[in-house]
N, C-alpha and C. Protein backbone atom coordinates (compact mmCIF):
# COMPACT_ATOMS: atom_id res chain seq x y z
N MET A 1 -70.48 44.78 45.45
CA MET A 1 -69.81 43.49 45.56
C MET A 1 -68.85 43.52 46.75
N GLU A 2 -68.88 42.48 47.56
CA GLU A 2 -67.99 42.40 48.71
C GLU A 2 -66.73 41.64 48.34
N LEU A 3 -65.61 42.31 48.43
CA LEU A 3 -64.33 41.73 48.05
C LEU A 3 -63.61 41.16 49.27
N THR A 4 -62.90 40.05 49.04
CA THR A 4 -62.16 39.39 50.12
C THR A 4 -60.72 39.17 49.68
N GLY A 5 -59.81 39.49 50.57
CA GLY A 5 -58.39 39.25 50.33
C GLY A 5 -57.90 38.08 51.16
N ILE A 6 -56.95 37.34 50.63
CA ILE A 6 -56.34 36.21 51.33
C ILE A 6 -54.87 36.55 51.57
N TYR A 7 -54.43 36.34 52.80
CA TYR A 7 -53.06 36.65 53.19
C TYR A 7 -52.47 35.38 53.79
N PRO A 8 -51.81 34.55 52.97
CA PRO A 8 -51.21 33.32 53.48
C PRO A 8 -49.92 33.60 54.25
N GLY A 9 -49.67 32.81 55.27
CA GLY A 9 -48.44 32.95 56.03
C GLY A 9 -48.42 31.99 57.19
N SER A 10 -47.30 31.98 57.90
CA SER A 10 -47.21 31.13 59.09
C SER A 10 -47.59 31.94 60.34
N PHE A 11 -47.47 33.28 60.28
CA PHE A 11 -47.84 34.14 61.40
C PHE A 11 -47.27 33.60 62.71
N ASN A 12 -45.98 33.32 62.69
CA ASN A 12 -45.33 32.60 63.77
C ASN A 12 -44.20 33.42 64.40
N PRO A 13 -44.52 34.41 65.23
CA PRO A 13 -45.82 34.84 65.73
C PRO A 13 -46.42 35.93 64.86
N PRO A 14 -47.72 36.24 65.08
CA PRO A 14 -48.31 37.37 64.37
C PRO A 14 -47.69 38.67 64.89
N THR A 15 -47.39 39.57 63.97
CA THR A 15 -46.72 40.82 64.31
C THR A 15 -47.55 42.04 63.93
N SER A 16 -47.08 43.18 64.37
CA SER A 16 -47.72 44.44 64.00
C SER A 16 -47.71 44.62 62.48
N ALA A 17 -46.70 44.11 61.80
CA ALA A 17 -46.65 44.23 60.35
C ALA A 17 -47.79 43.47 59.69
N HIS A 18 -48.14 42.31 60.21
CA HIS A 18 -49.24 41.55 59.62
C HIS A 18 -50.54 42.37 59.63
N ILE A 19 -50.79 43.05 60.73
CA ILE A 19 -52.00 43.88 60.83
C ILE A 19 -51.88 45.10 59.91
N GLU A 20 -50.75 45.77 59.93
CA GLU A 20 -50.56 46.97 59.09
C GLU A 20 -50.71 46.62 57.61
N ILE A 21 -50.13 45.51 57.19
CA ILE A 21 -50.22 45.08 55.79
C ILE A 21 -51.67 44.74 55.45
N SER A 22 -52.33 44.01 56.32
CA SER A 22 -53.74 43.65 56.10
C SER A 22 -54.61 44.90 55.98
N GLU A 23 -54.40 45.85 56.87
CA GLU A 23 -55.17 47.09 56.85
C GLU A 23 -54.89 47.89 55.59
N ALA A 24 -53.63 47.96 55.18
CA ALA A 24 -53.27 48.70 53.96
C ALA A 24 -53.95 48.06 52.74
N ALA A 25 -53.94 46.74 52.66
CA ALA A 25 -54.59 46.05 51.55
C ALA A 25 -56.10 46.25 51.58
N ARG A 26 -56.66 46.19 52.77
CA ARG A 26 -58.10 46.36 52.93
C ARG A 26 -58.54 47.74 52.44
N GLU A 27 -57.80 48.76 52.83
CA GLU A 27 -58.15 50.12 52.43
C GLU A 27 -57.88 50.36 50.94
N ALA A 28 -56.72 49.95 50.46
CA ALA A 28 -56.36 50.22 49.06
C ALA A 28 -57.24 49.47 48.07
N HIS A 29 -57.72 48.29 48.46
CA HIS A 29 -58.49 47.45 47.53
C HIS A 29 -59.95 47.29 47.94
N HIS A 30 -60.39 48.09 48.90
CA HIS A 30 -61.80 48.13 49.32
C HIS A 30 -62.33 46.74 49.68
N LEU A 31 -61.56 46.04 50.53
CA LEU A 31 -61.93 44.68 50.93
C LEU A 31 -62.90 44.71 52.10
N LYS A 32 -63.87 43.84 52.05
CA LYS A 32 -64.79 43.64 53.17
C LYS A 32 -64.12 42.77 54.24
N LYS A 33 -63.35 41.77 53.79
CA LYS A 33 -62.68 40.82 54.70
C LYS A 33 -61.25 40.58 54.23
N VAL A 34 -60.42 40.29 55.21
CA VAL A 34 -59.08 39.76 54.97
C VAL A 34 -59.01 38.45 55.73
N VAL A 35 -58.54 37.41 55.05
CA VAL A 35 -58.42 36.09 55.65
C VAL A 35 -56.93 35.76 55.78
N TRP A 36 -56.51 35.51 57.02
CA TRP A 36 -55.15 35.00 57.21
C TRP A 36 -55.23 33.49 57.06
N SER A 37 -54.52 32.97 56.09
CA SER A 37 -54.55 31.54 55.79
C SER A 37 -53.24 30.89 56.24
N VAL A 38 -53.37 29.86 57.06
CA VAL A 38 -52.20 29.17 57.59
C VAL A 38 -52.22 27.72 57.12
N SER A 39 -51.16 27.33 56.43
CA SER A 39 -51.04 25.93 55.99
C SER A 39 -50.62 25.06 57.17
N ARG A 40 -51.24 23.90 57.25
CA ARG A 40 -50.84 22.97 58.32
C ARG A 40 -49.34 22.68 58.25
N ILE A 41 -48.84 22.56 57.04
CA ILE A 41 -47.40 22.41 56.83
C ILE A 41 -47.01 23.46 55.79
N SER A 42 -46.36 24.52 56.25
CA SER A 42 -46.01 25.63 55.37
C SER A 42 -44.85 25.26 54.45
N LEU A 43 -44.98 25.65 53.21
CA LEU A 43 -43.94 25.42 52.21
C LEU A 43 -42.65 26.11 52.65
N ALA A 44 -41.57 25.38 52.63
CA ALA A 44 -40.23 25.85 53.02
C ALA A 44 -40.11 26.08 54.52
N LYS A 45 -41.13 25.67 55.29
CA LYS A 45 -41.07 25.78 56.75
C LYS A 45 -41.60 24.49 57.37
N GLU A 46 -41.33 23.38 56.70
CA GLU A 46 -41.87 22.09 57.12
C GLU A 46 -41.39 21.63 58.49
N ASN A 47 -40.25 22.14 58.93
CA ASN A 47 -39.66 21.68 60.18
C ASN A 47 -40.07 22.49 61.41
N VAL A 48 -40.99 23.44 61.23
CA VAL A 48 -41.46 24.23 62.37
C VAL A 48 -42.37 23.36 63.23
N THR A 49 -41.97 23.16 64.47
CA THR A 49 -42.77 22.32 65.37
C THR A 49 -43.20 23.05 66.64
N LEU A 50 -42.53 24.15 66.98
CA LEU A 50 -42.86 24.89 68.19
C LEU A 50 -43.08 26.36 67.87
N PRO A 51 -44.04 26.99 68.50
CA PRO A 51 -45.07 26.34 69.28
C PRO A 51 -45.93 25.45 68.40
N ILE A 52 -46.64 24.53 69.03
CA ILE A 52 -47.42 23.59 68.24
C ILE A 52 -48.47 24.35 67.45
N PHE A 53 -48.83 23.76 66.33
CA PHE A 53 -49.74 24.39 65.38
C PHE A 53 -51.03 24.86 66.05
N GLU A 54 -51.62 24.02 66.88
CA GLU A 54 -52.90 24.35 67.52
C GLU A 54 -52.78 25.59 68.41
N ASP A 55 -51.66 25.75 69.10
CA ASP A 55 -51.47 26.94 69.93
C ASP A 55 -51.32 28.19 69.07
N ARG A 56 -50.60 28.07 67.96
CA ARG A 56 -50.46 29.22 67.06
C ARG A 56 -51.83 29.64 66.52
N ILE A 57 -52.66 28.66 66.16
CA ILE A 57 -53.98 28.97 65.62
C ILE A 57 -54.87 29.60 66.70
N LEU A 58 -54.78 29.13 67.94
CA LEU A 58 -55.55 29.74 69.02
C LEU A 58 -55.19 31.22 69.19
N VAL A 59 -53.92 31.54 69.10
CA VAL A 59 -53.48 32.94 69.21
C VAL A 59 -54.06 33.75 68.04
N LEU A 60 -54.04 33.20 66.84
CA LEU A 60 -54.58 33.91 65.68
C LEU A 60 -56.08 34.15 65.84
N HIS A 61 -56.80 33.16 66.34
CA HIS A 61 -58.24 33.34 66.57
C HIS A 61 -58.48 34.42 67.63
N ASP A 62 -57.60 34.49 68.62
CA ASP A 62 -57.70 35.54 69.63
C ASP A 62 -57.53 36.91 68.98
N VAL A 63 -56.56 37.03 68.08
CA VAL A 63 -56.35 38.29 67.35
C VAL A 63 -57.61 38.62 66.55
N ALA A 64 -58.10 37.68 65.76
CA ALA A 64 -59.24 37.92 64.87
C ALA A 64 -60.53 38.22 65.63
N SER A 65 -60.64 37.71 66.85
CA SER A 65 -61.87 37.94 67.62
C SER A 65 -62.08 39.42 67.93
N LYS A 66 -61.04 40.21 67.83
CA LYS A 66 -61.13 41.65 68.16
C LYS A 66 -61.18 42.53 66.91
N ILE A 67 -61.14 41.91 65.71
CA ILE A 67 -61.10 42.68 64.47
C ILE A 67 -62.21 42.16 63.54
N ALA A 68 -63.22 42.96 63.32
CA ALA A 68 -64.42 42.52 62.59
C ALA A 68 -64.11 42.06 61.16
N TRP A 69 -63.13 42.65 60.52
CA TRP A 69 -62.86 42.34 59.12
C TRP A 69 -61.83 41.21 58.93
N LEU A 70 -61.36 40.61 60.00
CA LEU A 70 -60.30 39.59 59.91
C LEU A 70 -60.85 38.20 60.24
N ASP A 71 -60.54 37.24 59.37
CA ASP A 71 -60.87 35.83 59.59
C ASP A 71 -59.60 34.99 59.53
N ILE A 72 -59.65 33.81 60.12
CA ILE A 72 -58.54 32.86 60.11
C ILE A 72 -59.00 31.61 59.37
N GLN A 73 -58.13 31.09 58.53
CA GLN A 73 -58.41 29.86 57.78
C GLN A 73 -57.21 28.92 57.92
N VAL A 74 -57.49 27.66 58.16
CA VAL A 74 -56.44 26.63 58.17
C VAL A 74 -56.62 25.83 56.89
N THR A 75 -55.50 25.53 56.22
CA THR A 75 -55.57 24.81 54.95
C THR A 75 -54.48 23.76 54.86
N ASP A 76 -54.73 22.76 54.02
CA ASP A 76 -53.69 21.77 53.71
C ASP A 76 -52.92 22.19 52.46
N ARG A 77 -53.39 23.20 51.77
CA ARG A 77 -52.71 23.68 50.56
C ARG A 77 -51.41 24.39 50.95
N GLN A 78 -50.44 24.35 50.03
CA GLN A 78 -49.16 24.99 50.31
C GLN A 78 -48.82 26.08 49.30
N LEU A 79 -49.10 25.85 48.02
CA LEU A 79 -48.76 26.84 47.00
C LEU A 79 -49.74 28.00 47.05
N LEU A 80 -49.22 29.22 46.95
CA LEU A 80 -50.07 30.39 47.00
C LEU A 80 -51.13 30.36 45.90
N ALA A 81 -50.78 29.85 44.74
CA ALA A 81 -51.76 29.77 43.64
C ALA A 81 -52.96 28.92 44.04
N ASP A 82 -52.73 27.87 44.81
CA ASP A 82 -53.83 27.02 45.26
C ASP A 82 -54.60 27.68 46.41
N ILE A 83 -53.90 28.29 47.33
CA ILE A 83 -54.53 28.94 48.47
C ILE A 83 -55.41 30.12 48.02
N ALA A 84 -54.96 30.83 47.00
CA ALA A 84 -55.64 32.07 46.57
C ALA A 84 -56.86 31.83 45.69
N LYS A 85 -57.09 30.61 45.25
CA LYS A 85 -58.24 30.34 44.38
C LYS A 85 -59.54 30.79 45.04
N GLY A 86 -60.33 31.56 44.28
CA GLY A 86 -61.62 32.01 44.76
C GLY A 86 -61.60 33.34 45.51
N TYR A 87 -60.42 33.90 45.73
CA TYR A 87 -60.31 35.18 46.42
C TYR A 87 -60.09 36.30 45.40
N ASP A 88 -60.42 37.53 45.81
CA ASP A 88 -60.29 38.67 44.92
C ASP A 88 -58.88 39.26 44.93
N LEU A 89 -58.17 39.09 46.04
CA LEU A 89 -56.84 39.69 46.17
C LEU A 89 -55.95 38.76 46.97
N LEU A 90 -54.72 38.59 46.51
CA LEU A 90 -53.71 37.84 47.24
C LEU A 90 -52.74 38.85 47.84
N ILE A 91 -52.61 38.80 49.16
CA ILE A 91 -51.73 39.72 49.90
C ILE A 91 -50.49 38.94 50.32
N MET A 92 -49.34 39.55 50.15
CA MET A 92 -48.09 38.89 50.55
C MET A 92 -47.00 39.92 50.79
N GLY A 93 -45.96 39.45 51.44
CA GLY A 93 -44.78 40.27 51.63
C GLY A 93 -43.83 40.09 50.45
N ALA A 94 -42.88 40.99 50.34
CA ALA A 94 -41.92 40.94 49.23
C ALA A 94 -41.13 39.64 49.21
N ASP A 95 -40.88 39.05 50.39
CA ASP A 95 -40.15 37.79 50.43
C ASP A 95 -40.93 36.69 49.71
N LYS A 96 -42.26 36.65 49.93
CA LYS A 96 -43.10 35.66 49.23
C LYS A 96 -43.16 35.96 47.74
N TRP A 97 -43.22 37.23 47.38
CA TRP A 97 -43.25 37.62 45.96
C TRP A 97 -42.02 37.05 45.24
N HIS A 98 -40.88 37.17 45.87
CA HIS A 98 -39.66 36.63 45.26
C HIS A 98 -39.67 35.10 45.30
N GLN A 99 -40.20 34.53 46.38
CA GLN A 99 -40.24 33.07 46.51
C GLN A 99 -41.11 32.43 45.42
N ILE A 100 -42.26 33.04 45.12
CA ILE A 100 -43.15 32.41 44.12
C ILE A 100 -42.56 32.43 42.73
N HIS A 101 -41.53 33.21 42.52
CA HIS A 101 -40.86 33.22 41.22
C HIS A 101 -39.70 32.22 41.14
N ASP A 102 -39.39 31.57 42.25
CA ASP A 102 -38.28 30.62 42.30
C ASP A 102 -38.73 29.27 41.75
N PRO A 103 -38.12 28.82 40.65
CA PRO A 103 -38.54 27.56 40.01
C PRO A 103 -38.45 26.33 40.91
N LYS A 104 -37.63 26.37 41.96
CA LYS A 104 -37.48 25.18 42.80
C LYS A 104 -38.78 24.77 43.46
N PHE A 105 -39.70 25.71 43.66
CA PHE A 105 -40.99 25.38 44.28
C PHE A 105 -41.96 24.74 43.28
N TYR A 106 -41.52 24.64 42.03
CA TYR A 106 -42.35 24.03 40.98
C TYR A 106 -41.57 22.90 40.29
N SER A 107 -40.75 22.23 41.04
CA SER A 107 -39.90 21.14 40.52
C SER A 107 -39.05 21.62 39.34
N ASP A 108 -38.58 22.86 39.43
CA ASP A 108 -37.75 23.49 38.38
C ASP A 108 -38.42 23.51 37.01
N ASP A 109 -39.74 23.49 37.00
CA ASP A 109 -40.52 23.53 35.76
C ASP A 109 -41.00 24.97 35.55
N LEU A 110 -40.35 25.69 34.62
CA LEU A 110 -40.69 27.10 34.40
C LEU A 110 -42.11 27.29 33.89
N GLU A 111 -42.59 26.37 33.08
CA GLU A 111 -43.95 26.47 32.57
C GLU A 111 -44.96 26.32 33.71
N LYS A 112 -44.70 25.39 34.60
CA LYS A 112 -45.56 25.18 35.77
C LYS A 112 -45.56 26.43 36.66
N ARG A 113 -44.37 27.01 36.86
CA ARG A 113 -44.26 28.24 37.64
C ARG A 113 -45.07 29.37 37.01
N ASP A 114 -44.88 29.56 35.71
CA ASP A 114 -45.58 30.65 35.02
C ASP A 114 -47.09 30.44 35.03
N ASP A 115 -47.53 29.21 34.87
CA ASP A 115 -48.97 28.91 34.94
C ASP A 115 -49.52 29.25 36.33
N ALA A 116 -48.77 28.89 37.37
CA ALA A 116 -49.22 29.18 38.73
C ALA A 116 -49.30 30.68 38.97
N ILE A 117 -48.29 31.42 38.55
CA ILE A 117 -48.28 32.87 38.74
C ILE A 117 -49.40 33.53 37.95
N ASN A 118 -49.61 33.06 36.73
CA ASN A 118 -50.67 33.63 35.89
C ASN A 118 -52.06 33.31 36.41
N SER A 119 -52.20 32.29 37.25
CA SER A 119 -53.51 31.93 37.80
C SER A 119 -53.89 32.75 39.03
N LEU A 120 -52.95 33.54 39.54
CA LEU A 120 -53.21 34.31 40.76
C LEU A 120 -54.26 35.39 40.52
N PRO A 121 -55.04 35.69 41.55
CA PRO A 121 -55.92 36.86 41.44
C PRO A 121 -55.05 38.11 41.48
N GLN A 122 -55.67 39.27 41.58
CA GLN A 122 -54.92 40.50 41.75
C GLN A 122 -54.00 40.34 42.96
N VAL A 123 -52.82 40.93 42.89
CA VAL A 123 -51.80 40.75 43.94
C VAL A 123 -51.45 42.10 44.56
N ALA A 124 -51.28 42.11 45.88
CA ALA A 124 -50.80 43.29 46.61
C ALA A 124 -49.61 42.84 47.45
N VAL A 125 -48.48 43.50 47.26
CA VAL A 125 -47.24 43.08 47.91
C VAL A 125 -46.70 44.18 48.82
N ALA A 126 -46.45 43.79 50.07
CA ALA A 126 -45.85 44.73 51.02
C ALA A 126 -44.34 44.75 50.82
N PRO A 127 -43.78 45.93 50.60
CA PRO A 127 -42.34 46.00 50.39
C PRO A 127 -41.55 45.63 51.65
N ARG A 128 -40.35 45.16 51.44
CA ARG A 128 -39.37 44.91 52.51
C ARG A 128 -38.19 45.81 52.21
N SER A 129 -37.52 46.24 53.23
CA SER A 129 -36.43 47.20 53.02
C SER A 129 -35.37 46.67 52.06
N THR A 130 -35.17 45.36 52.01
CA THR A 130 -34.09 44.81 51.18
C THR A 130 -34.56 44.19 49.87
N LEU A 131 -35.88 44.11 49.65
CA LEU A 131 -36.40 43.45 48.45
C LEU A 131 -37.29 44.40 47.67
N LYS A 132 -37.07 44.46 46.39
CA LYS A 132 -37.85 45.34 45.53
C LYS A 132 -39.07 44.60 44.98
N VAL A 133 -40.16 45.33 44.78
CA VAL A 133 -41.36 44.78 44.14
C VAL A 133 -41.82 45.78 43.09
N PRO A 134 -42.49 45.30 42.05
CA PRO A 134 -43.01 46.22 41.03
C PRO A 134 -43.97 47.24 41.64
N SER A 135 -43.84 48.49 41.26
CA SER A 135 -44.63 49.56 41.87
C SER A 135 -46.13 49.36 41.68
N GLU A 136 -46.56 48.74 40.59
CA GLU A 136 -47.99 48.58 40.32
C GLU A 136 -48.68 47.60 41.28
N ILE A 137 -47.90 46.78 42.00
CA ILE A 137 -48.50 45.84 42.96
C ILE A 137 -48.08 46.13 44.40
N ALA A 138 -47.24 47.15 44.58
CA ALA A 138 -46.72 47.47 45.91
C ALA A 138 -47.79 48.14 46.76
N LEU A 139 -47.92 47.68 47.99
CA LEU A 139 -48.80 48.32 48.97
C LEU A 139 -48.05 49.48 49.61
N THR A 140 -48.79 50.50 49.95
CA THR A 140 -48.20 51.61 50.69
C THR A 140 -48.37 51.30 52.18
N VAL A 141 -47.25 51.07 52.84
CA VAL A 141 -47.25 50.77 54.27
C VAL A 141 -46.23 51.69 54.95
N PRO A 142 -46.40 51.92 56.25
CA PRO A 142 -45.41 52.73 56.96
C PRO A 142 -44.01 52.13 56.83
N GLU A 143 -43.02 52.98 56.74
CA GLU A 143 -41.63 52.54 56.61
C GLU A 143 -41.23 51.57 57.73
N SER A 144 -41.74 51.79 58.92
CA SER A 144 -41.40 50.94 60.06
C SER A 144 -41.83 49.49 59.84
N VAL A 145 -42.87 49.26 59.06
CA VAL A 145 -43.38 47.91 58.79
C VAL A 145 -42.40 47.09 57.96
N THR A 146 -41.64 47.75 57.11
CA THR A 146 -40.75 47.03 56.20
C THR A 146 -39.61 46.32 56.91
N ASN A 147 -39.40 46.64 58.18
CA ASN A 147 -38.32 46.01 58.94
C ASN A 147 -38.81 45.08 60.04
N VAL A 148 -40.11 44.82 60.10
CA VAL A 148 -40.68 43.94 61.13
C VAL A 148 -40.75 42.53 60.58
N SER A 149 -40.36 41.55 61.39
CA SER A 149 -40.46 40.16 60.94
C SER A 149 -40.74 39.24 62.12
N SER A 150 -41.42 38.15 61.83
CA SER A 150 -41.68 37.14 62.86
C SER A 150 -40.38 36.55 63.37
N SER A 151 -39.39 36.39 62.49
CA SER A 151 -38.09 35.85 62.91
C SER A 151 -37.45 36.74 63.96
N MET A 152 -37.50 38.04 63.74
CA MET A 152 -36.92 38.97 64.72
C MET A 152 -37.70 38.92 66.03
N ALA A 153 -39.03 38.79 65.94
CA ALA A 153 -39.85 38.69 67.16
C ALA A 153 -39.48 37.44 67.94
N ARG A 154 -39.29 36.31 67.23
CA ARG A 154 -38.90 35.06 67.91
C ARG A 154 -37.51 35.18 68.53
N ASN A 155 -36.68 36.02 67.95
CA ASN A 155 -35.30 36.16 68.43
C ASN A 155 -35.15 37.27 69.46
N GLY A 156 -36.26 37.62 70.13
CA GLY A 156 -36.15 38.52 71.26
C GLY A 156 -36.78 39.89 71.11
N GLN A 157 -37.10 40.30 69.89
CA GLN A 157 -37.72 41.60 69.71
C GLN A 157 -39.24 41.46 69.84
N THR A 158 -39.65 41.11 71.05
CA THR A 158 -41.05 40.77 71.30
C THR A 158 -42.00 41.95 71.11
N SER A 159 -41.49 43.16 71.10
CA SER A 159 -42.35 44.32 70.87
C SER A 159 -42.96 44.30 69.47
N MET A 160 -42.41 43.50 68.57
CA MET A 160 -42.98 43.36 67.23
C MET A 160 -44.22 42.47 67.22
N MET A 161 -44.38 41.66 68.27
CA MET A 161 -45.54 40.75 68.33
C MET A 161 -46.82 41.53 68.58
N LEU A 162 -47.93 41.00 68.08
CA LEU A 162 -49.23 41.54 68.46
C LEU A 162 -49.46 41.25 69.94
N PRO A 163 -50.27 42.06 70.62
CA PRO A 163 -50.47 41.88 72.06
C PRO A 163 -50.90 40.46 72.45
N GLU A 164 -51.75 39.84 71.64
CA GLU A 164 -52.22 38.49 71.96
C GLU A 164 -51.06 37.49 71.94
N ALA A 165 -50.16 37.64 70.97
CA ALA A 165 -48.99 36.76 70.89
C ALA A 165 -48.02 37.05 72.03
N MET A 166 -47.84 38.34 72.33
CA MET A 166 -46.93 38.71 73.41
C MET A 166 -47.43 38.16 74.74
N SER A 167 -48.73 38.24 74.96
CA SER A 167 -49.31 37.72 76.20
C SER A 167 -49.12 36.21 76.30
N PHE A 168 -49.36 35.50 75.20
CA PHE A 168 -49.19 34.05 75.19
C PHE A 168 -47.72 33.69 75.41
N ASP A 169 -46.83 34.46 74.82
CA ASP A 169 -45.40 34.20 74.98
C ASP A 169 -44.96 34.45 76.42
N LYS A 170 -45.47 35.52 77.03
CA LYS A 170 -45.11 35.79 78.43
C LYS A 170 -45.58 34.66 79.34
N LYS A 171 -46.76 34.14 79.05
CA LYS A 171 -47.34 33.07 79.87
C LYS A 171 -46.62 31.74 79.65
N THR A 172 -46.18 31.46 78.41
CA THR A 172 -45.71 30.11 78.07
C THR A 172 -44.27 30.03 77.57
N GLY A 173 -43.72 31.13 77.07
CA GLY A 173 -42.41 31.08 76.41
C GLY A 173 -42.50 30.54 75.00
N ALA A 174 -43.68 30.54 74.40
CA ALA A 174 -43.94 29.91 73.11
C ALA A 174 -42.92 30.25 72.03
N TRP A 175 -42.53 31.52 71.94
CA TRP A 175 -41.61 31.91 70.87
C TRP A 175 -40.22 32.25 71.38
N THR A 176 -40.10 32.58 72.62
CA THR A 176 -38.80 33.07 73.09
C THR A 176 -38.07 32.13 74.05
N ASP A 177 -38.75 31.10 74.54
CA ASP A 177 -38.12 30.18 75.48
C ASP A 177 -38.72 28.78 75.28
N GLN A 178 -38.15 28.05 74.33
CA GLN A 178 -38.73 26.75 73.96
C GLN A 178 -38.74 25.75 75.12
N SER A 179 -37.75 25.80 75.99
CA SER A 179 -37.72 24.89 77.14
C SER A 179 -38.90 25.17 78.06
N ARG A 180 -39.14 26.46 78.34
CA ARG A 180 -40.26 26.82 79.20
C ARG A 180 -41.58 26.46 78.52
N TYR A 181 -41.67 26.68 77.20
CA TYR A 181 -42.89 26.33 76.47
C TYR A 181 -43.15 24.83 76.52
N LYS A 182 -42.11 24.03 76.31
CA LYS A 182 -42.28 22.57 76.36
C LYS A 182 -42.77 22.13 77.74
N ALA A 183 -42.22 22.72 78.80
CA ALA A 183 -42.65 22.37 80.16
C ALA A 183 -44.10 22.80 80.38
N TRP A 184 -44.44 24.00 79.91
CA TRP A 184 -45.83 24.48 80.04
C TRP A 184 -46.78 23.55 79.29
N ALA A 185 -46.42 23.19 78.06
CA ALA A 185 -47.29 22.34 77.23
C ALA A 185 -47.46 20.95 77.87
N ALA A 186 -46.39 20.44 78.47
CA ALA A 186 -46.46 19.11 79.09
C ALA A 186 -47.34 19.12 80.33
N ASN A 187 -47.45 20.29 80.99
CA ASN A 187 -48.21 20.37 82.24
C ASN A 187 -49.58 21.01 82.10
N ARG A 188 -49.95 21.39 80.88
CA ARG A 188 -51.24 22.07 80.74
C ARG A 188 -52.38 21.11 81.06
N LEU A 189 -53.44 21.67 81.52
CA LEU A 189 -54.60 20.87 81.86
C LEU A 189 -55.37 20.53 80.60
N PRO A 190 -55.90 19.32 80.53
CA PRO A 190 -56.70 18.98 79.35
C PRO A 190 -57.96 19.82 79.30
N ASP A 191 -58.46 20.05 78.07
CA ASP A 191 -59.68 20.86 77.90
C ASP A 191 -60.89 20.18 78.48
């Protein structure tokens, strides 16, 4: 049986941790494929406008084009329980693990939250240095991965970005220089 894992996120930008976590889940759970799923409007990140969604997706497709076991999916779904339907494994970071337990994402309805959590497939969670996860669902990842974040990459630690994202950022300023990115986007040639 070929197993597939789903890893929802904004990947804004994709980092070395995203690959390390995906690889750890793939090996630990014998996955044939890992799918990075990006919501058109990410829950709790509705105000993200730059870089534009289409450019972020192009970078992700560039990443996936070099990795046989990685696919990219765009979805209108926002809740992990909805995104994970039909997959064998749900991959997430510890921040998401804590977020899915927060009743505010379920209109403060504890029964709705518990139903959503109970509907999840098997779960694999990458630890973060500051957030604890139950050992039975924790992925084993290098210690260095627990301190990598897209936020830090956007804030100047570009070495955390995957090469495809770093290259796009150098060319456009997509994550590190919004003014330069806006000028680049305004002057780009139509397809």
